[in-house]
């Protein structure tokens, strides 16, 4: 027999092996569910962070590409204004 102390009233009582095993299983199941929930929350947060990072990286790459294209356009416009024969082609 095992002696258990009630967490609410602080009274001690004795239970048999089957009752003790049931209480132990409930405690373990509750702790497992809590840990599982916490890990799922952390995984979800990691996923959101990874998505935000990927979006920021994609936006940065698009910005770099846009800057490169703009500078290329400006260079071509500069060449066109210095070479009048290119303007006649339009």
C-alpha atoms as a PDB file:
ATOM      1  CA  UNK A   1       0.000   0.000   0.000  1.00  0.00           C
ATOM      2  CA  UNK A   2       1.075   3.536  -0.759  1.00  0.00           C
ATOM      3  CA  UNK A   3       0.418   6.632   1.303  1.00  0.00           C
ATOM      4  CA  UNK A   4      -0.691   9.671  -0.668  1.00  0.00           C
ATOM      5  CA  UNK A   5      -1.020  13.228   0.648  1.00  0.00           C
ATOM      6  CA  UNK A   6      -3.864  15.255  -0.826  1.00  0.00           C
ATOM      7  CA  UNK A   7      -2.491  18.508  -2.306  1.00  0.00           C
ATOM      8  CA  UNK A   8      -5.667  20.388  -1.367  1.00  0.00           C
ATOM      9  CA  UNK A   9      -6.471  19.298   2.195  1.00  0.00           C
ATOM     10  CA  UNK A  10      -3.029  17.901   3.110  1.00  0.00           C
ATOM     11  CA  UNK A  11      -4.567  14.731   4.552  1.00  0.00           C
ATOM     12  CA  UNK A  12      -2.732  11.467   4.074  1.00  0.00           C
ATOM     13  CA  UNK A  13      -4.574   8.384   2.850  1.00  0.00           C
ATOM     14  CA  UNK A  14      -3.575   4.911   1.765  1.00  0.00           C
ATOM     15  CA  UNK A  15      -4.357   3.365  -1.574  1.00  0.00           C
ATOM     16  CA  UNK A  16      -3.683  -0.028  -3.097  1.00  0.00           C
ATOM     17  CA  UNK A  17      -1.293  -0.702  -5.997  1.00  0.00           C
ATOM     18  CA  UNK A  18      -3.992  -0.366  -8.691  1.00  0.00           C
ATOM     19  CA  UNK A  19      -5.201   2.981  -7.359  1.00  0.00           C
ATOM     20  CA  UNK A  20      -1.629   4.214  -7.045  1.00  0.00           C
ATOM     21  CA  UNK A  21      -0.893   3.140 -10.634  1.00  0.00           C
ATOM     22  CA  UNK A  22      -4.001   4.977 -11.857  1.00  0.00           C
ATOM     23  CA  UNK A  23      -3.013   8.191 -10.081  1.00  0.00           C
ATOM     24  CA  UNK A  24       0.544   7.908 -11.360  1.00  0.00           C
ATOM     25  CA  UNK A  25      -0.739   7.399 -14.917  1.00  0.00           C
ATOM     26  CA  UNK A  26      -2.950  10.490 -14.641  1.00  0.00           C
ATOM     27  CA  UNK A  27      -0.027  12.595 -13.459  1.00  0.00           C
ATOM     28  CA  UNK A  28       2.235  11.290 -16.220  1.00  0.00           C
ATOM     29  CA  UNK A  29      -0.447  11.762 -18.890  1.00  0.00           C
ATOM     30  CA  UNK A  30      -1.096  15.336 -17.713  1.00  0.00           C
ATOM     31  CA  UNK A  31       2.604  16.184 -17.741  1.00  0.00           C
ATOM     32  CA  UNK A  32       3.004  14.572 -21.165  1.00  0.00           C
ATOM     33  CA  UNK A  33       0.084  16.549 -22.595  1.00  0.00           C
ATOM     34  CA  UNK A  34       1.507  19.782 -21.193  1.00  0.00           C
ATOM     35  CA  UNK A  35       4.966  19.111 -22.632  1.00  0.00           C
ATOM     36  CA  UNK A  36       3.465  18.116 -25.958  1.00  0.00           C
ATOM     37  CA  UNK A  37       1.422  21.321 -26.085  1.00  0.00           C
ATOM     38  CA  UNK A  38       4.485  23.424 -25.227  1.00  0.00           C
ATOM     39  CA  UNK A  39       6.583  21.730 -27.903  1.00  0.00           C
ATOM     40  CA  UNK A  40       3.872  22.179 -30.502  1.00  0.00           C
ATOM     41  CA  UNK A  41       3.665  25.876 -29.632  1.00  0.00           C
ATOM     42  CA  UNK A  42       7.448  26.213 -29.961  1.00  0.00           C
ATOM     43  CA  UNK A  43       7.392  24.395 -33.303  1.00  0.00           C
ATOM     44  CA  UNK A  44       4.613  26.678 -34.542  1.00  0.00           C
ATOM     45  CA  UNK A  45       6.574  29.755 -33.442  1.00  0.00           C
ATOM     46  CA  UNK A  46       9.703  28.428 -35.168  1.00  0.00           C
ATOM     47  CA  UNK A  47       7.674  27.887 -38.323  1.00  0.00           C
ATOM     48  CA  UNK A  48       6.294  31.445 -38.196  1.00  0.00           C
ATOM     49  CA  UNK A  49       9.803  32.829 -37.633  1.00  0.00           C
ATOM     50  CA  UNK A  50      11.168  30.822 -40.557  1.00  0.00           C
ATOM     51  CA  UNK A  51       8.376  32.074 -42.818  1.00  0.00           C
ATOM     52  CA  UNK A  52       8.975  35.682 -41.777  1.00  0.00           C
ATOM     53  CA  UNK A  53      12.698  35.282 -42.373  1.00  0.00           C
ATOM     54  CA  UNK A  54      12.117  33.752 -45.808  1.00  0.00           C
ATOM     55  CA  UNK A  55       9.708  36.559 -46.720  1.00  0.00           C
ATOM     56  CA  UNK A  56      12.189  39.200 -45.578  1.00  0.00           C
ATOM     57  CA  UNK A  57      14.967  37.512 -47.549  1.00  0.00           C
ATOM     58  CA  UNK A  58      12.790  37.318 -50.672  1.00  0.00           C
ATOM     59  CA  UNK A  59      11.835  40.982 -50.320  1.00  0.00           C
ATOM     60  CA  UNK A  60      15.493  41.918 -49.946  1.00  0.00           C
ATOM     61  CA  UNK A  61      16.434  39.936 -53.044  1.00  0.00           C
ATOM     62  CA  UNK A  62      13.619  41.561 -55.016  1.00  0.00           C
ATOM     63  CA  UNK A  63      14.777  44.985 -53.852  1.00  0.00           C
ATOM     64  CA  UNK A  64      18.355  44.225 -54.930  1.00  0.00           C
ATOM     65  CA  UNK A  65      17.095  43.018 -58.300  1.00  0.00           C
ATOM     66  CA  UNK A  66      14.984  46.149 -58.743  1.00  0.00           C
ATOM     67  CA  UNK A  67      17.956  48.383 -57.915  1.00  0.00           C
ATOM     68  CA  UNK A  68      20.122  46.488 -60.406  1.00  0.00           C
ATOM     69  CA  UNK A  69      17.469  46.799 -63.110  1.00  0.00           C
ATOM     70  CA  UNK A  70      17.005  50.507 -62.398  1.00  0.00           C
ATOM     71  CA  UNK A  71      20.735  51.148 -62.647  1.00  0.00           C
ATOM     72  CA  UNK A  72      20.832  49.164 -65.900  1.00  0.00           C
ATOM     73  CA  UNK A  73      17.947  51.233 -67.269  1.00  0.00           C
ATOM     74  CA  UNK A  74      19.701  54.455 -66.262  1.00  0.00           C
ATOM     75  CA  UNK A  75      22.921  53.264 -67.911  1.00  0.00           C
ATOM     76  CA  UNK A  76      21.075  52.450 -71.125  1.00  0.00           C
ATOM     77  CA  UNK A  77      19.322  55.831 -71.067  1.00  0.00           C
ATOM     78  CA  UNK A  78      22.699  57.474 -70.574  1.00  0.00           C
ATOM     79  CA  UNK A  79      24.116  55.604 -73.555  1.00  0.00           C
ATOM     80  CA  UNK A  80      21.101  56.549 -75.644  1.00  0.00           C
ATOM     81  CA  UNK A  81      21.447  60.249 -74.853  1.00  0.00           C
ATOM     82  CA  UNK A  82      25.181  60.206 -75.711  1.00  0.00           C
ATOM     83  CA  UNK A  83      24.662  58.227 -78.936  1.00  0.00           C
ATOM     84  CA  UNK A  84      22.077  59.992 -81.125  1.00  0.00           C
ATOM     85  CA  UNK A  85      22.020  57.188 -83.690  1.00  0.00           C
ATOM     86  CA  UNK A  86      20.294  54.959 -81.116  1.00  0.00           C
ATOM     87  CA  UNK A  87      17.505  57.509 -80.703  1.00  0.00           C
ATOM     88  CA  UNK A  88      16.680  57.266 -84.426  1.00  0.00           C
ATOM     89  CA  UNK A  89      15.936  53.575 -84.053  1.00  0.00           C
ATOM     90  CA  UNK A  90      12.816  54.246 -81.946  1.00  0.00           C
END
